[in-house]
Amino acid sequence: MKEEAEALAVKLKDIFGARVECQFIDVKDDEIKNYPEVEKIIDRVLLPMTVINGEPRFHGSLDQELIIDAVKKHLDKIKK
């Protein structure tokens, strides 16, 4: 799964440049404590989970096209 997330990160950087940050967080690691909103729901979702701007958005797969579309919509919304 980490490799898929890294491939997605490369694709997002290619498309959106420095406007996006993508990172893989191992939910079994203490780093998850830095994401309390995710930690609250982690037992109720299928991994992997995609979080955009702190908001859990998708879970169960890393659908690159779905994620790219959601990021584009989010960036367009904050531009306005």
C-alpha atoms as a PDB file:
ATOM      1  CA  MET A   1       0.000   0.000   0.000  1.00  0.00           C
ATOM      2  CA  LYS A   2       2.838   2.399   0.755  1.00  0.00           C
ATOM      3  CA  GLU A   3       4.162   1.992  -2.788  1.00  0.00           C
ATOM      4  CA  GLU A   4       0.726   2.826  -4.221  1.00  0.00           C
ATOM      5  CA  ALA A   5       0.562   5.944  -2.044  1.00  0.00           C
ATOM      6  CA  GLU A   6       4.026   6.996  -3.203  1.00  0.00           C
ATOM      7  CA  ALA A   7       3.005   6.544  -6.851  1.00  0.00           C
ATOM      8  CA  LEU A   8      -0.096   8.650  -6.194  1.00  0.00           C
ATOM      9  CA  ALA A   9       2.057  11.329  -4.530  1.00  0.00           C
ATOM     10  CA  VAL A  10       4.246  11.554  -7.641  1.00  0.00           C
ATOM     11  CA  LYS A  11       1.205  11.859  -9.886  1.00  0.00           C
ATOM     12  CA  LEU A  12      -0.366  14.547  -7.678  1.00  0.00           C
ATOM     13  CA  LYS A  13       2.893  16.547  -7.668  1.00  0.00           C
ATOM     14  CA  ASP A  14       3.108  16.242 -11.469  1.00  0.00           C
ATOM     15  CA  ILE A  15      -0.425  17.577 -11.855  1.00  0.00           C
ATOM     16  CA  PHE A  16      -0.723  20.116  -9.029  1.00  0.00           C
ATOM     17  CA  GLY A  17       2.881  20.941  -8.127  1.00  0.00           C
ATOM     18  CA  ALA A  18       3.597  22.525  -4.768  1.00  0.00           C
ATOM     19  CA  ARG A  19      -0.103  23.147  -4.099  1.00  0.00           C
ATOM     20  CA  VAL A  20      -0.481  19.613  -2.737  1.00  0.00           C
ATOM     21  CA  GLU A  21       1.198  17.407  -0.183  1.00  0.00           C
ATOM     22  CA  CYS A  22       0.686  13.673  -0.093  1.00  0.00           C
ATOM     23  CA  GLN A  23       1.958  11.370   2.608  1.00  0.00           C
ATOM     24  CA  PHE A  24       1.473   7.805   3.728  1.00  0.00           C
ATOM     25  CA  ILE A  25       0.591   7.406   7.404  1.00  0.00           C
ATOM     26  CA  ASP A  26       0.826   3.955   8.947  1.00  0.00           C
ATOM     27  CA  VAL A  27      -2.218   3.721  11.220  1.00  0.00           C
ATOM     28  CA  LYS A  28      -0.350   1.287  13.480  1.00  0.00           C
ATOM     29  CA  ASP A  29       2.327   3.901  14.129  1.00  0.00           C
ATOM     30  CA  ASP A  30       2.152   6.622  16.809  1.00  0.00           C
ATOM     31  CA  GLU A  31       2.084   9.206  14.017  1.00  0.00           C
ATOM     32  CA  ILE A  32      -1.674   8.577  13.702  1.00  0.00           C
ATOM     33  CA  LYS A  33      -2.102  10.562  16.932  1.00  0.00           C
ATOM     34  CA  ASN A  34      -1.302  13.681  14.887  1.00  0.00           C
ATOM     35  CA  TYR A  35      -4.578  13.111  13.028  1.00  0.00           C
ATOM     36  CA  PRO A  36      -7.306  12.950  15.709  1.00  0.00           C
ATOM     37  CA  GLU A  37     -10.195  13.148  13.216  1.00  0.00           C
ATOM     38  CA  VAL A  38      -8.853  10.113  11.411  1.00  0.00           C
ATOM     39  CA  GLU A  39      -7.999   8.277  14.619  1.00  0.00           C
ATOM     40  CA  LYS A  40     -11.631   8.640  15.760  1.00  0.00           C
ATOM     41  CA  ILE A  41     -13.037   6.775  12.762  1.00  0.00           C
ATOM     42  CA  ILE A  42     -10.212   4.412  11.813  1.00  0.00           C
ATOM     43  CA  ASP A  43     -11.986   1.366  13.271  1.00  0.00           C
ATOM     44  CA  ARG A  44     -15.079   2.009  11.140  1.00  0.00           C
ATOM     45  CA  VAL A  45     -13.498   2.276   7.698  1.00  0.00           C
ATOM     46  CA  LEU A  46     -11.687   0.055   5.254  1.00  0.00           C
ATOM     47  CA  LEU A  47      -8.089   0.963   4.653  1.00  0.00           C
ATOM     48  CA  PRO A  48      -6.565   2.716   2.858  1.00  0.00           C
ATOM     49  CA  MET A  49      -8.235   6.004   3.667  1.00  0.00           C
ATOM     50  CA  THR A  50      -7.784   9.218   1.722  1.00  0.00           C
ATOM     51  CA  VAL A  51      -7.915  12.479   3.674  1.00  0.00           C
ATOM     52  CA  ILE A  52      -8.094  15.808   1.837  1.00  0.00           C
ATOM     53  CA  ASN A  53      -7.349  18.941   3.809  1.00  0.00           C
ATOM     54  CA  GLY A  54      -7.936  17.112   7.088  1.00  0.00           C
ATOM     55  CA  GLU A  55     -11.287  15.655   6.017  1.00  0.00           C
ATOM     56  CA  PRO A  56     -11.608  11.886   5.521  1.00  0.00           C
ATOM     57  CA  ARG A  57     -12.957  11.486   1.995  1.00  0.00           C
ATOM     58  CA  PHE A  58     -12.514   7.969   0.613  1.00  0.00           C
ATOM     59  CA  HIS A  59     -11.722   4.566   2.016  1.00  0.00           C
ATOM     60  CA  GLY A  60     -11.209   1.027   0.815  1.00  0.00           C
ATOM     61  CA  SER A  61      -8.975   1.755  -2.182  1.00  0.00           C
ATOM     62  CA  LEU A  62      -6.623   4.270  -3.727  1.00  0.00           C
ATOM     63  CA  ASP A  63      -8.553   5.216  -6.851  1.00  0.00           C
ATOM     64  CA  GLN A  64      -6.138   7.682  -8.430  1.00  0.00           C
ATOM     65  CA  GLU A  65      -8.631   9.282 -10.805  1.00  0.00           C
ATOM     66  CA  LEU A  66     -11.232   9.744  -8.052  1.00  0.00           C
ATOM     67  CA  ILE A  67      -8.630  11.299  -5.745  1.00  0.00           C
ATOM     68  CA  ILE A  68      -7.224  13.560  -8.468  1.00  0.00           C
ATOM     69  CA  ASP A  69     -10.733  14.783  -9.302  1.00  0.00           C
ATOM     70  CA  ALA A  70     -11.485  15.462  -5.614  1.00  0.00           C
ATOM     71  CA  VAL A  71      -8.212  17.350  -5.146  1.00  0.00           C
ATOM     72  CA  LYS A  72      -8.899  19.423  -8.275  1.00  0.00           C
ATOM     73  CA  LYS A  73     -12.384  20.302  -7.014  1.00  0.00           C
ATOM     74  CA  HIS A  74     -10.983  21.215  -3.595  1.00  0.00           C
ATOM     75  CA  LEU A  75      -8.277  23.436  -5.082  1.00  0.00           C
ATOM     76  CA  ASP A  76     -10.800  25.115  -7.399  1.00  0.00           C
ATOM     77  CA  LYS A  77     -13.090  25.781  -4.444  1.00  0.00           C
ATOM     78  CA  ILE A  78     -10.390  27.400  -2.312  1.00  0.00           C
ATOM     79  CA  LYS A  79      -9.245  29.561  -5.249  1.00  0.00           C
ATOM     80  CA  LYS A  80     -12.594  31.349  -5.336  1.00  0.00           C
END
